[in-house]
Amino acid sequence: MKEVLLILLAYLIGSIPTAIWVSRYFFGIDIRDYGSGNAGATNTFRVLGSRWGTFVMVADVLKGIIATSLYILLPFYLHSEWDRTNLMVGLGLAAVAGHIFPIWADFRGGKGVATLFGMVIAMQPLVAVYCVGVFLLVLYLTRFVSLSSILASVAFAVLILFIFNEKVPLYRGFAIAVALLVILTHQKNISRLLRGNESKIPILKHRDRRRQRRRLPDND
């Protein structure tokens, strides 16, 4: 019964619609009416800029960390790694479900990638570091948050299944589900990437301007 209550609490934490509240209280709009229509960090970057996009991303990551760490409220799970891992997966998924289907925002939220990443930080920080490395490298090279998220999720599955070779079946299944979930929730982004019209986030502009200047023909 206590576990059920914690999972419900994790869902409510995940349901905090950071992007929607920021857009409403600071800009007088609903972020879901602009850009891709999602209430997540990526769309906030596009519509409100890097400052608020970063704020929303950090807040959504914290939702995943806090929700997944709720297991500490039950002393039994502090001494049982197998049971703790299973409970953490349940808590984390509840938070991600809350982000995607937030009760506080008519069940229309974001894609849950940032909250999912917070869950991974809480469960296995080293794996999270590797995934961040993949995410940042792809983001630096392309400035596509969607592509960065997809490849980081695939890297997560590879790390759990093959590099760290985790033994808990639920955790292994979760890793596979993560990769599939991120790919499925980014179908529109994948289509735009293939068509060449996916939006880039407004970072590294100076780098792009330097590249453009190098490509300009010499008219002297």
N, C-alpha and C. Protein backbone atom coordinates (compact mmCIF):
# COMPACT_ATOMS: atom_id res chain seq x y z
N MET A 1 0.83 -1.20 0.00
CA MET A 1 0.00 0.00 0.00
C MET A 1 0.87 1.26 0.00
N LYS A 2 1.95 1.24 0.80
CA LYS A 2 2.84 2.39 0.84
C LYS A 2 3.50 2.62 -0.52
N GLU A 3 3.84 1.53 -1.19
CA GLU A 3 4.46 1.64 -2.51
C GLU A 3 3.50 2.30 -3.51
N VAL A 4 2.23 1.94 -3.43
CA VAL A 4 1.23 2.52 -4.33
C VAL A 4 1.11 4.03 -4.09
N LEU A 5 1.12 4.42 -2.83
CA LEU A 5 1.03 5.84 -2.51
C LEU A 5 2.25 6.61 -3.02
N LEU A 6 3.43 5.99 -2.92
CA LEU A 6 4.64 6.64 -3.42
C LEU A 6 4.60 6.77 -4.94
N ILE A 7 4.11 5.75 -5.61
CA ILE A 7 4.00 5.81 -7.07
C ILE A 7 3.01 6.91 -7.48
N LEU A 8 1.92 7.03 -6.73
CA LEU A 8 0.96 8.10 -7.00
C LEU A 8 1.61 9.46 -6.79
N LEU A 9 2.39 9.60 -5.71
CA LEU A 9 3.09 10.85 -5.45
C LEU A 9 4.10 11.15 -6.55
N ALA A 10 4.78 10.12 -7.03
CA ALA A 10 5.74 10.30 -8.12
C ALA A 10 5.03 10.80 -9.37
N TYR A 11 3.86 10.27 -9.64
CA TYR A 11 3.08 10.73 -10.79
C TYR A 11 2.70 12.21 -10.64
N LEU A 12 2.28 12.59 -9.44
CA LEU A 12 1.89 13.99 -9.21
C LEU A 12 3.09 14.93 -9.36
N ILE A 13 4.27 14.49 -8.91
CA ILE A 13 5.48 15.30 -9.08
C ILE A 13 5.80 15.44 -10.57
N GLY A 14 5.72 14.33 -11.29
CA GLY A 14 5.97 14.39 -12.73
C GLY A 14 4.96 15.24 -13.47
N SER A 15 3.77 15.38 -12.91
CA SER A 15 2.71 16.14 -13.57
C SER A 15 2.90 17.65 -13.48
N ILE A 16 3.85 18.11 -12.69
CA ILE A 16 4.08 19.56 -12.59
C ILE A 16 4.45 20.09 -13.97
N PRO A 17 3.59 20.90 -14.59
CA PRO A 17 3.80 21.33 -15.98
C PRO A 17 4.70 22.57 -16.07
N THR A 18 5.97 22.38 -15.87
CA THR A 18 6.90 23.50 -15.78
C THR A 18 6.80 24.44 -16.97
N ALA A 19 6.86 23.90 -18.17
CA ALA A 19 6.85 24.73 -19.37
C ALA A 19 5.56 25.53 -19.49
N ILE A 20 4.44 24.90 -19.13
CA ILE A 20 3.14 25.59 -19.23
C ILE A 20 3.06 26.72 -18.22
N TRP A 21 3.47 26.47 -16.99
CA TRP A 21 3.42 27.51 -15.97
C TRP A 21 4.34 28.67 -16.31
N VAL A 22 5.53 28.37 -16.79
CA VAL A 22 6.45 29.44 -17.18
C VAL A 22 5.87 30.28 -18.30
N SER A 23 5.34 29.63 -19.32
CA SER A 23 4.80 30.37 -20.47
C SER A 23 3.59 31.21 -20.08
N ARG A 24 2.77 30.71 -19.17
CA ARG A 24 1.58 31.45 -18.78
C ARG A 24 1.91 32.63 -17.87
N TYR A 25 2.74 32.38 -16.85
CA TYR A 25 2.97 33.40 -15.83
C TYR A 25 3.96 34.48 -16.27
N PHE A 26 4.88 34.14 -17.16
CA PHE A 26 5.88 35.12 -17.58
C PHE A 26 5.64 35.68 -18.98
N PHE A 27 4.84 34.98 -19.79
CA PHE A 27 4.65 35.44 -21.17
C PHE A 27 3.18 35.55 -21.56
N GLY A 28 2.28 35.08 -20.70
CA GLY A 28 0.85 35.20 -20.99
C GLY A 28 0.38 34.33 -22.14
N ILE A 29 1.08 33.22 -22.40
CA ILE A 29 0.69 32.32 -23.47
C ILE A 29 0.69 30.89 -22.95
N ASP A 30 0.16 29.98 -23.75
CA ASP A 30 0.25 28.56 -23.46
C ASP A 30 1.25 27.98 -24.46
N ILE A 31 2.36 27.46 -23.96
CA ILE A 31 3.43 26.95 -24.82
C ILE A 31 2.92 25.92 -25.81
N ARG A 32 1.81 25.24 -25.47
CA ARG A 32 1.27 24.20 -26.34
C ARG A 32 0.61 24.76 -27.59
N ASP A 33 0.40 26.07 -27.62
CA ASP A 33 -0.19 26.70 -28.80
C ASP A 33 0.87 27.17 -29.79
N TYR A 34 2.13 26.91 -29.50
CA TYR A 34 3.22 27.41 -30.34
C TYR A 34 4.21 26.29 -30.63
N GLY A 35 5.01 26.52 -31.67
CA GLY A 35 6.06 25.57 -32.00
C GLY A 35 5.51 24.20 -32.31
N SER A 36 6.08 23.19 -31.65
CA SER A 36 5.66 21.81 -31.89
C SER A 36 4.39 21.45 -31.14
N GLY A 37 3.96 22.33 -30.21
CA GLY A 37 2.76 22.06 -29.43
C GLY A 37 3.00 21.23 -28.19
N ASN A 38 4.26 20.90 -27.92
CA ASN A 38 4.58 20.10 -26.73
C ASN A 38 4.95 20.99 -25.55
N ALA A 39 4.62 20.52 -24.36
CA ALA A 39 4.94 21.27 -23.15
C ALA A 39 6.22 20.72 -22.53
N GLY A 40 7.30 20.87 -23.26
CA GLY A 40 8.58 20.36 -22.77
C GLY A 40 9.70 21.35 -23.00
N ALA A 41 10.90 20.95 -22.61
CA ALA A 41 12.05 21.85 -22.68
C ALA A 41 12.41 22.20 -24.12
N THR A 42 12.34 21.22 -25.03
CA THR A 42 12.73 21.48 -26.42
C THR A 42 11.89 22.58 -27.03
N ASN A 43 10.58 22.48 -26.86
CA ASN A 43 9.70 23.49 -27.43
C ASN A 43 9.87 24.83 -26.73
N THR A 44 10.20 24.80 -25.44
CA THR A 44 10.46 26.04 -24.72
C THR A 44 11.70 26.73 -25.27
N PHE A 45 12.74 25.95 -25.59
CA PHE A 45 13.93 26.51 -26.23
C PHE A 45 13.54 27.22 -27.52
N ARG A 46 12.70 26.57 -28.33
CA ARG A 46 12.32 27.14 -29.62
C ARG A 46 11.51 28.41 -29.46
N VAL A 47 10.53 28.38 -28.55
CA VAL A 47 9.56 29.47 -28.46
C VAL A 47 10.01 30.60 -27.53
N LEU A 48 10.58 30.25 -26.39
CA LEU A 48 10.90 31.25 -25.37
C LEU A 48 12.40 31.55 -25.25
N GLY A 49 13.24 30.79 -25.94
CA GLY A 49 14.66 31.06 -25.91
C GLY A 49 15.44 30.15 -24.97
N SER A 50 16.76 30.26 -25.05
CA SER A 50 17.63 29.34 -24.31
C SER A 50 17.55 29.52 -22.80
N ARG A 51 17.32 30.75 -22.32
CA ARG A 51 17.27 30.98 -20.88
C ARG A 51 16.13 30.20 -20.24
N TRP A 52 14.94 30.36 -20.78
CA TRP A 52 13.79 29.66 -20.19
C TRP A 52 13.78 28.20 -20.58
N GLY A 53 14.33 27.88 -21.73
CA GLY A 53 14.44 26.47 -22.11
C GLY A 53 15.32 25.71 -21.13
N THR A 54 16.43 26.34 -20.74
CA THR A 54 17.33 25.71 -19.77
C THR A 54 16.64 25.56 -18.42
N PHE A 55 15.92 26.59 -18.00
CA PHE A 55 15.21 26.53 -16.72
C PHE A 55 14.22 25.37 -16.71
N VAL A 56 13.43 25.25 -17.78
CA VAL A 56 12.43 24.18 -17.85
C VAL A 56 13.11 22.82 -17.88
N MET A 57 14.21 22.71 -18.62
CA MET A 57 14.91 21.43 -18.69
C MET A 57 15.42 21.00 -17.32
N VAL A 58 16.04 21.93 -16.60
CA VAL A 58 16.57 21.60 -15.27
C VAL A 58 15.43 21.20 -14.33
N ALA A 59 14.34 21.94 -14.37
CA ALA A 59 13.20 21.64 -13.50
C ALA A 59 12.62 20.27 -13.81
N ASP A 60 12.51 19.94 -15.10
CA ASP A 60 11.95 18.65 -15.48
C ASP A 60 12.89 17.49 -15.11
N VAL A 61 14.19 17.72 -15.21
CA VAL A 61 15.15 16.70 -14.76
C VAL A 61 15.01 16.48 -13.26
N LEU A 62 14.88 17.56 -12.50
CA LEU A 62 14.72 17.45 -11.05
C LEU A 62 13.46 16.68 -10.68
N LYS A 63 12.40 16.81 -11.46
CA LYS A 63 11.19 16.04 -11.20
C LYS A 63 11.50 14.55 -11.23
N GLY A 64 12.28 14.14 -12.22
CA GLY A 64 12.62 12.73 -12.33
C GLY A 64 13.50 12.26 -11.19
N ILE A 65 14.47 13.09 -10.80
CA ILE A 65 15.37 12.72 -9.70
C ILE A 65 14.60 12.58 -8.39
N ILE A 66 13.78 13.58 -8.09
CA ILE A 66 13.04 13.58 -6.82
C ILE A 66 12.06 12.43 -6.76
N ALA A 67 11.30 12.24 -7.83
CA ALA A 67 10.28 11.18 -7.84
C ALA A 67 10.92 9.80 -7.70
N THR A 68 12.01 9.56 -8.43
CA THR A 68 12.66 8.25 -8.40
C THR A 68 13.32 7.98 -7.05
N SER A 69 13.69 9.03 -6.35
CA SER A 69 14.37 8.89 -5.05
C SER A 69 13.40 8.74 -3.88
N LEU A 70 12.12 8.71 -4.15
CA LEU A 70 11.15 8.57 -3.07
C LEU A 70 11.27 7.25 -2.32
N TYR A 71 11.97 6.30 -2.89
CA TYR A 71 12.13 5.00 -2.23
C TYR A 71 12.77 5.16 -0.84
N ILE A 72 13.53 6.25 -0.64
CA ILE A 72 14.22 6.43 0.65
C ILE A 72 13.22 6.59 1.80
N LEU A 73 11.96 6.84 1.47
CA LEU A 73 10.95 6.97 2.52
C LEU A 73 10.54 5.62 3.09
N LEU A 74 10.95 4.54 2.43
CA LEU A 74 10.63 3.20 2.92
C LEU A 74 11.93 2.49 3.28
N PRO A 75 12.27 2.38 4.56
CA PRO A 75 13.56 1.84 5.01
C PRO A 75 13.91 0.48 4.43
N PHE A 76 12.91 -0.37 4.19
CA PHE A 76 13.19 -1.71 3.67
C PHE A 76 14.01 -1.67 2.39
N TYR A 77 13.71 -0.71 1.52
CA TYR A 77 14.35 -0.66 0.20
C TYR A 77 15.77 -0.13 0.25
N LEU A 78 16.18 0.40 1.39
CA LEU A 78 17.55 0.87 1.53
C LEU A 78 18.53 -0.29 1.61
N HIS A 79 18.04 -1.50 1.92
CA HIS A 79 18.91 -2.64 2.16
C HIS A 79 18.69 -3.78 1.16
N SER A 80 17.87 -3.55 0.15
CA SER A 80 17.58 -4.61 -0.83
C SER A 80 17.74 -4.03 -2.24
N GLU A 81 18.90 -4.26 -2.84
CA GLU A 81 19.19 -3.64 -4.14
C GLU A 81 18.21 -4.07 -5.21
N TRP A 82 17.90 -5.34 -5.27
CA TRP A 82 16.99 -5.86 -6.30
C TRP A 82 15.62 -5.19 -6.18
N ASP A 83 15.04 -5.22 -4.97
CA ASP A 83 13.72 -4.62 -4.75
C ASP A 83 13.77 -3.11 -4.94
N ARG A 84 14.87 -2.49 -4.51
CA ARG A 84 15.01 -1.04 -4.67
C ARG A 84 15.01 -0.65 -6.15
N THR A 85 15.74 -1.41 -6.96
CA THR A 85 15.79 -1.11 -8.40
C THR A 85 14.41 -1.22 -9.02
N ASN A 86 13.67 -2.27 -8.66
CA ASN A 86 12.32 -2.43 -9.20
C ASN A 86 11.41 -1.28 -8.80
N LEU A 87 11.49 -0.86 -7.53
CA LEU A 87 10.66 0.24 -7.07
C LEU A 87 11.06 1.55 -7.75
N MET A 88 12.35 1.77 -7.92
CA MET A 88 12.82 3.00 -8.57
C MET A 88 12.33 3.07 -10.01
N VAL A 89 12.33 1.94 -10.71
CA VAL A 89 11.80 1.92 -12.07
C VAL A 89 10.33 2.32 -12.07
N GLY A 90 9.57 1.76 -11.13
CA GLY A 90 8.15 2.11 -11.04
C GLY A 90 7.93 3.57 -10.72
N LEU A 91 8.70 4.11 -9.79
CA LEU A 91 8.57 5.52 -9.42
C LEU A 91 8.95 6.43 -10.58
N GLY A 92 10.05 6.09 -11.24
CA GLY A 92 10.50 6.91 -12.35
C GLY A 92 9.52 6.91 -13.51
N LEU A 93 9.00 5.74 -13.83
CA LEU A 93 8.02 5.66 -14.93
C LEU A 93 6.74 6.41 -14.58
N ALA A 94 6.37 6.40 -13.31
CA ALA A 94 5.18 7.16 -12.89
C ALA A 94 5.42 8.65 -13.11
N ALA A 95 6.63 9.12 -12.80
CA ALA A 95 6.95 10.54 -13.02
C ALA A 95 6.95 10.89 -14.50
N VAL A 96 7.51 10.01 -15.32
CA VAL A 96 7.52 10.24 -16.77
C VAL A 96 6.10 10.27 -17.31
N ALA A 97 5.26 9.32 -16.84
CA ALA A 97 3.86 9.31 -17.26
C ALA A 97 3.16 10.61 -16.85
N GLY A 98 3.51 11.11 -15.66
CA GLY A 98 2.94 12.38 -15.22
C GLY A 98 3.34 13.53 -16.11
N HIS A 99 4.60 13.52 -16.56
CA HIS A 99 5.06 14.59 -17.45
C HIS A 99 4.34 14.54 -18.80
N ILE A 100 4.15 13.33 -19.32
CA ILE A 100 3.50 13.18 -20.62
C ILE A 100 2.00 13.43 -20.51
N PHE A 101 1.39 12.96 -19.42
CA PHE A 101 -0.05 13.11 -19.20
C PHE A 101 -0.29 13.79 -17.85
N PRO A 102 0.02 15.09 -17.75
CA PRO A 102 -0.07 15.79 -16.46
C PRO A 102 -1.51 16.06 -16.02
N ILE A 103 -1.82 15.64 -14.81
CA ILE A 103 -3.17 15.87 -14.29
C ILE A 103 -3.43 17.35 -14.09
N TRP A 104 -2.37 18.15 -13.88
CA TRP A 104 -2.53 19.58 -13.64
C TRP A 104 -2.71 20.37 -14.94
N ALA A 105 -2.61 19.71 -16.10
CA ALA A 105 -2.65 20.45 -17.38
C ALA A 105 -3.43 19.66 -18.43
N ASP A 106 -4.59 19.17 -18.05
CA ASP A 106 -5.50 18.50 -18.99
C ASP A 106 -4.87 17.30 -19.68
N PHE A 107 -3.89 16.68 -19.03
CA PHE A 107 -3.24 15.48 -19.56
C PHE A 107 -2.54 15.70 -20.90
N ARG A 108 -2.13 16.94 -21.15
CA ARG A 108 -1.39 17.26 -22.38
C ARG A 108 -0.04 17.86 -22.00
N GLY A 109 0.98 17.02 -21.96
CA GLY A 109 2.29 17.48 -21.52
C GLY A 109 3.35 17.37 -22.59
N GLY A 110 4.56 17.07 -22.16
CA GLY A 110 5.68 16.96 -23.08
C GLY A 110 6.00 15.51 -23.39
N LYS A 111 7.22 15.28 -23.88
CA LYS A 111 7.61 13.94 -24.29
C LYS A 111 8.33 13.18 -23.19
N GLY A 112 8.69 13.84 -22.12
CA GLY A 112 9.22 13.14 -20.95
C GLY A 112 10.70 12.83 -20.96
N VAL A 113 11.45 13.33 -21.96
CA VAL A 113 12.86 12.97 -22.05
C VAL A 113 13.66 13.52 -20.87
N ALA A 114 13.44 14.79 -20.52
CA ALA A 114 14.20 15.38 -19.41
C ALA A 114 13.87 14.69 -18.09
N THR A 115 12.61 14.40 -17.86
CA THR A 115 12.22 13.70 -16.63
C THR A 115 12.78 12.28 -16.62
N LEU A 116 12.79 11.64 -17.77
CA LEU A 116 13.39 10.32 -17.90
C LEU A 116 14.88 10.36 -17.58
N PHE A 117 15.53 11.41 -18.04
CA PHE A 117 16.96 11.55 -17.74
C PHE A 117 17.18 11.72 -16.25
N GLY A 118 16.31 12.48 -15.58
CA GLY A 118 16.41 12.63 -14.14
C GLY A 118 16.25 11.29 -13.43
N MET A 119 15.39 10.46 -13.96
CA MET A 119 15.22 9.12 -13.42
C MET A 119 16.51 8.32 -13.52
N VAL A 120 17.19 8.41 -14.67
CA VAL A 120 18.44 7.69 -14.88
C VAL A 120 19.53 8.20 -13.94
N ILE A 121 19.57 9.52 -13.72
CA ILE A 121 20.54 10.09 -12.77
C ILE A 121 20.35 9.48 -11.39
N ALA A 122 19.10 9.38 -10.96
CA ALA A 122 18.81 8.85 -9.63
C ALA A 122 19.17 7.38 -9.52
N MET A 123 18.99 6.63 -10.62
CA MET A 123 19.22 5.19 -10.57
C MET A 123 20.68 4.83 -10.77
N GLN A 124 21.34 5.48 -11.74
CA GLN A 124 22.71 5.09 -12.09
C GLN A 124 23.44 6.31 -12.66
N PRO A 125 24.02 7.12 -11.81
CA PRO A 125 24.64 8.38 -12.25
C PRO A 125 25.70 8.21 -13.34
N LEU A 126 26.49 7.15 -13.29
CA LEU A 126 27.55 6.98 -14.29
C LEU A 126 26.97 6.77 -15.67
N VAL A 127 25.92 5.98 -15.76
CA VAL A 127 25.24 5.79 -17.05
C VAL A 127 24.70 7.13 -17.54
N ALA A 128 24.16 7.92 -16.61
CA ALA A 128 23.64 9.23 -16.98
C ALA A 128 24.73 10.12 -17.56
N VAL A 129 25.93 10.04 -16.98
CA VAL A 129 27.06 10.84 -17.49
C VAL A 129 27.37 10.47 -18.93
N TYR A 130 27.41 9.17 -19.22
CA TYR A 130 27.68 8.73 -20.59
C TYR A 130 26.58 9.20 -21.54
N CYS A 131 25.34 9.11 -21.10
CA CYS A 131 24.23 9.55 -21.95
C CYS A 131 24.29 11.05 -22.20
N VAL A 132 24.68 11.81 -21.18
CA VAL A 132 24.85 13.26 -21.35
C VAL A 132 25.93 13.53 -22.38
N GLY A 133 27.01 12.75 -22.32
CA GLY A 133 28.08 12.93 -23.29
C GLY A 133 27.59 12.73 -24.71
N VAL A 134 26.81 11.69 -24.93
CA VAL A 134 26.25 11.44 -26.26
C VAL A 134 25.32 12.59 -26.66
N PHE A 135 24.46 12.98 -25.72
CA PHE A 135 23.50 14.06 -26.00
C PHE A 135 24.21 15.35 -26.39
N LEU A 136 25.21 15.75 -25.59
CA LEU A 136 25.89 17.03 -25.83
C LEU A 136 26.71 16.99 -27.11
N LEU A 137 27.33 15.85 -27.39
CA LEU A 137 28.13 15.74 -28.62
C LEU A 137 27.25 15.89 -29.85
N VAL A 138 26.12 15.19 -29.85
CA VAL A 138 25.20 15.28 -31.00
C VAL A 138 24.60 16.68 -31.08
N LEU A 139 24.28 17.26 -29.92
CA LEU A 139 23.71 18.61 -29.91
C LEU A 139 24.72 19.63 -30.45
N TYR A 140 25.99 19.48 -30.06
CA TYR A 140 27.03 20.40 -30.54
C TYR A 140 27.19 20.29 -32.05
N LEU A 141 27.15 19.07 -32.55
CA LEU A 141 27.37 18.85 -33.98
C LEU A 141 26.17 19.24 -34.83
N THR A 142 24.95 19.11 -34.28
CA THR A 142 23.76 19.29 -35.11
C THR A 142 22.81 20.39 -34.64
N ARG A 143 22.78 20.66 -33.32
CA ARG A 143 21.82 21.58 -32.68
C ARG A 143 20.38 21.06 -32.76
N PHE A 144 20.22 19.76 -33.03
CA PHE A 144 18.90 19.14 -33.01
C PHE A 144 18.71 18.45 -31.66
N VAL A 145 17.83 18.99 -30.82
CA VAL A 145 17.56 18.37 -29.53
C VAL A 145 16.90 17.00 -29.73
N SER A 146 16.02 16.92 -30.71
CA SER A 146 15.31 15.66 -30.96
C SER A 146 16.29 14.54 -31.30
N LEU A 147 17.20 14.79 -32.23
CA LEU A 147 18.18 13.77 -32.61
C LEU A 147 19.09 13.43 -31.44
N SER A 148 19.47 14.44 -30.67
CA SER A 148 20.31 14.21 -29.50
C SER A 148 19.60 13.31 -28.49
N SER A 149 18.32 13.55 -28.28
CA SER A 149 17.54 12.75 -27.33
C SER A 149 17.41 11.30 -27.81
N ILE A 150 17.15 11.13 -29.09
CA ILE A 150 16.97 9.78 -29.64
C ILE A 150 18.26 8.96 -29.49
N LEU A 151 19.38 9.55 -29.88
CA LEU A 151 20.64 8.82 -29.82
C LEU A 151 21.09 8.57 -28.38
N ALA A 152 20.79 9.51 -27.48
CA ALA A 152 21.13 9.30 -26.07
C ALA A 152 20.30 8.16 -25.48
N SER A 153 19.04 8.05 -25.88
CA SER A 153 18.20 6.96 -25.38
C SER A 153 18.67 5.61 -25.90
N VAL A 154 19.10 5.57 -27.15
CA VAL A 154 19.64 4.33 -27.70
C VAL A 154 20.94 3.96 -26.97
N ALA A 155 21.76 4.97 -26.69
CA ALA A 155 23.00 4.73 -25.95
C ALA A 155 22.69 4.18 -24.56
N PHE A 156 21.63 4.67 -23.93
CA PHE A 156 21.23 4.19 -22.61
C PHE A 156 20.93 2.69 -22.65
N ALA A 157 20.17 2.26 -23.66
CA ALA A 157 19.84 0.84 -23.79
C ALA A 157 21.10 0.00 -23.99
N VAL A 158 22.00 0.48 -24.84
CA VAL A 158 23.24 -0.25 -25.10
C VAL A 158 24.08 -0.36 -23.83
N LEU A 159 24.16 0.72 -23.08
CA LEU A 159 24.94 0.72 -21.84
C LEU A 159 24.39 -0.27 -20.82
N ILE A 160 23.08 -0.25 -20.62
CA ILE A 160 22.46 -1.12 -19.62
C ILE A 160 22.55 -2.59 -20.03
N LEU A 161 22.30 -2.87 -21.30
CA LEU A 161 22.23 -4.26 -21.75
C LEU A 161 23.59 -4.90 -21.96
N PHE A 162 24.55 -4.13 -22.47
CA PHE A 162 25.80 -4.72 -22.90
C PHE A 162 27.04 -4.24 -22.14
N ILE A 163 27.12 -2.94 -21.88
CA ILE A 163 28.33 -2.41 -21.23
C ILE A 163 28.31 -2.71 -19.73
N PHE A 164 27.23 -2.32 -19.04
CA PHE A 164 27.12 -2.57 -17.61
C PHE A 164 26.48 -3.94 -17.31
N ASN A 165 25.81 -4.50 -18.31
CA ASN A 165 25.22 -5.84 -18.21
C ASN A 165 24.40 -6.00 -16.92
N GLU A 166 23.45 -5.09 -16.73
CA GLU A 166 22.61 -5.14 -15.55
C GLU A 166 21.79 -6.43 -15.50
N LYS A 167 21.59 -6.97 -14.30
CA LYS A 167 20.96 -8.29 -14.14
C LYS A 167 19.46 -8.23 -13.87
N VAL A 168 18.98 -7.11 -13.31
CA VAL A 168 17.57 -7.03 -12.94
C VAL A 168 16.71 -7.00 -14.21
N PRO A 169 15.86 -8.02 -14.43
CA PRO A 169 15.08 -8.10 -15.68
C PRO A 169 14.23 -6.85 -15.95
N LEU A 170 13.61 -6.31 -14.90
CA LEU A 170 12.76 -5.14 -15.09
C LEU A 170 13.58 -3.95 -15.59
N TYR A 171 14.80 -3.81 -15.08
CA TYR A 171 15.68 -2.71 -15.49
C TYR A 171 16.10 -2.88 -16.94
N ARG A 172 16.41 -4.12 -17.34
CA ARG A 172 16.79 -4.39 -18.73
C ARG A 172 15.62 -4.10 -19.67
N GLY A 173 14.43 -4.55 -19.27
CA GLY A 173 13.25 -4.27 -20.08
C GLY A 173 12.97 -2.79 -20.15
N PHE A 174 13.20 -2.11 -19.04
CA PHE A 174 13.01 -0.66 -19.00
C PHE A 174 13.95 0.05 -19.98
N ALA A 175 15.20 -0.41 -20.05
CA ALA A 175 16.16 0.22 -20.96
C ALA A 175 15.71 0.10 -22.41
N ILE A 176 15.22 -1.07 -22.76
CA ILE A 176 14.70 -1.26 -24.12
C ILE A 176 13.49 -0.39 -24.35
N ALA A 177 12.60 -0.35 -23.36
CA ALA A 177 11.38 0.45 -23.48
C ALA A 177 11.69 1.94 -23.64
N VAL A 178 12.74 2.40 -22.94
CA VAL A 178 13.12 3.81 -23.03
C VAL A 178 13.48 4.17 -24.48
N ALA A 179 14.34 3.36 -25.08
CA ALA A 179 14.75 3.64 -26.46
C ALA A 179 13.55 3.64 -27.39
N LEU A 180 12.68 2.65 -27.23
CA LEU A 180 11.50 2.57 -28.10
C LEU A 180 10.54 3.73 -27.85
N LEU A 181 10.35 4.08 -26.57
CA LEU A 181 9.44 5.18 -26.23
C LEU A 181 9.92 6.50 -26.82
N VAL A 182 11.21 6.79 -26.66
CA VAL A 182 11.74 8.05 -27.19
C VAL A 182 11.62 8.10 -28.70
N ILE A 183 11.90 6.99 -29.35
CA ILE A 183 11.78 6.95 -30.82
C ILE A 183 10.32 7.15 -31.23
N LEU A 184 9.40 6.47 -30.54
CA LEU A 184 7.98 6.58 -30.90
C LEU A 184 7.43 7.98 -30.65
N THR A 185 7.85 8.61 -29.55
CA THR A 185 7.34 9.96 -29.25
C THR A 185 8.01 11.03 -30.09
N HIS A 186 9.01 10.65 -30.88
CA HIS A 186 9.68 11.61 -31.75
C HIS A 186 9.45 11.32 -33.22
N GLN A 187 8.34 10.65 -33.52
CA GLN A 187 8.06 10.30 -34.92
C GLN A 187 7.97 11.55 -35.81
N LYS A 188 7.29 12.58 -35.32
CA LYS A 188 7.17 13.81 -36.11
C LYS A 188 8.53 14.47 -36.30
N ASN A 189 9.34 14.44 -35.24
CA ASN A 189 10.69 15.01 -35.35
C ASN A 189 11.53 14.24 -36.36
N ILE A 190 11.40 12.91 -36.33
CA ILE A 190 12.16 12.09 -37.28
C ILE A 190 11.75 12.41 -38.71
N SER A 191 10.45 12.59 -38.92
CA SER A 191 9.97 12.96 -40.26
C SER A 191 10.54 14.30 -40.70
N ARG A 192 10.56 15.27 -39.76
CA ARG A 192 11.12 16.58 -40.11
C ARG A 192 12.62 16.51 -40.35
N LEU A 193 13.31 15.67 -39.59
CA LEU A 193 14.75 15.49 -39.80
C LEU A 193 15.02 14.93 -41.19
N LEU A 194 14.20 13.95 -41.60
CA LEU A 194 14.39 13.34 -42.91
C LEU A 194 14.06 14.32 -44.03
N ARG A 195 13.10 15.22 -43.77
CA ARG A 195 12.75 16.23 -44.78
C ARG A 195 13.69 17.42 -44.76
N GLY A 196 14.49 17.53 -43.70
CA GLY A 196 15.44 18.62 -43.60
C GLY A 196 14.87 19.92 -43.07
N ASN A 197 13.72 19.85 -42.38
CA ASN A 197 13.13 21.09 -41.85
C ASN A 197 12.87 21.03 -40.34
N GLU A 198 13.65 20.21 -39.64
CA GLU A 198 13.56 20.19 -38.18
C GLU A 198 14.20 21.46 -37.62
N SER A 199 13.58 22.04 -36.60
CA SER A 199 14.09 23.27 -36.01
C SER A 199 15.32 23.01 -35.16
N LYS A 200 16.26 23.93 -35.21
CA LYS A 200 17.45 23.86 -34.37
C LYS A 200 17.28 24.82 -33.20
N ILE A 201 17.88 24.49 -32.06
CA ILE A 201 17.77 25.38 -30.91
C ILE A 201 18.77 26.52 -31.06
N PRO A 202 18.47 27.68 -30.48
CA PRO A 202 19.30 28.88 -30.69
C PRO A 202 20.56 28.90 -29.84
N ILE A 203 21.46 27.95 -30.08
CA ILE A 203 22.76 27.97 -29.41
C ILE A 203 23.84 27.85 -30.47
N LEU A 204 25.06 28.19 -30.09
CA LEU A 204 26.22 28.09 -30.99
C LEU A 204 26.04 28.93 -32.25
N LYS A 205 25.35 30.06 -32.12
CA LYS A 205 25.14 30.91 -33.29
C LYS A 205 26.45 31.48 -33.81
N HIS A 206 27.36 31.81 -32.90
CA HIS A 206 28.64 32.36 -33.33
C HIS A 206 29.41 31.35 -34.17
N ARG A 207 29.34 30.07 -33.80
CA ARG A 207 30.00 29.05 -34.58
C ARG A 207 29.42 28.98 -35.98
N ASP A 208 28.07 29.03 -36.06
CA ASP A 208 27.43 28.93 -37.37
C ASP A 208 27.74 30.13 -38.24
N ARG A 209 27.80 31.33 -37.62
CA ARG A 209 28.12 32.52 -38.42
C ARG A 209 29.54 32.45 -38.96
N ARG A 210 30.46 31.91 -38.15
CA ARG A 210 31.84 31.76 -38.63
C ARG A 210 31.90 30.80 -39.82
N ARG A 211 31.12 29.73 -39.73
CA ARG A 211 31.12 28.78 -40.83
C ARG A 211 30.53 29.39 -42.09
N GLN A 212 29.47 30.19 -41.90
CA GLN A 212 28.86 30.83 -43.06
C GLN A 212 29.82 31.80 -43.71
N ARG A 213 30.57 32.54 -42.89
CA ARG A 213 31.53 33.49 -43.45
C ARG A 213 32.62 32.77 -44.25
N ARG A 214 33.03 31.60 -43.77
CA ARG A 214 34.05 30.83 -44.48
C ARG A 214 33.54 30.37 -45.85
N ARG A 215 32.22 30.14 -45.94
CA ARG A 215 31.66 29.66 -47.20
C ARG A 215 31.40 30.77 -48.20
N LEU A 216 31.39 32.03 -47.74
CA LEU A 216 31.10 33.14 -48.64
C LEU A 216 32.20 33.28 -49.68
N PRO A 217 31.84 33.53 -50.96
CA PRO A 217 32.86 33.67 -52.00
C PRO A 217 33.65 34.97 -51.81
N ASP A 218 34.87 34.94 -52.21
CA ASP A 218 35.74 36.12 -52.10
C ASP A 218 35.47 37.02 -53.29
N ASN A 219 34.91 38.23 -53.03
CA ASN A 219 34.53 39.15 -54.11
C ASN A 219 35.60 40.20 -54.40
N ASP A 220 36.74 40.12 -53.69
CA ASP A 220 37.77 41.14 -53.89
C ASP A 220 38.50 40.90 -55.23
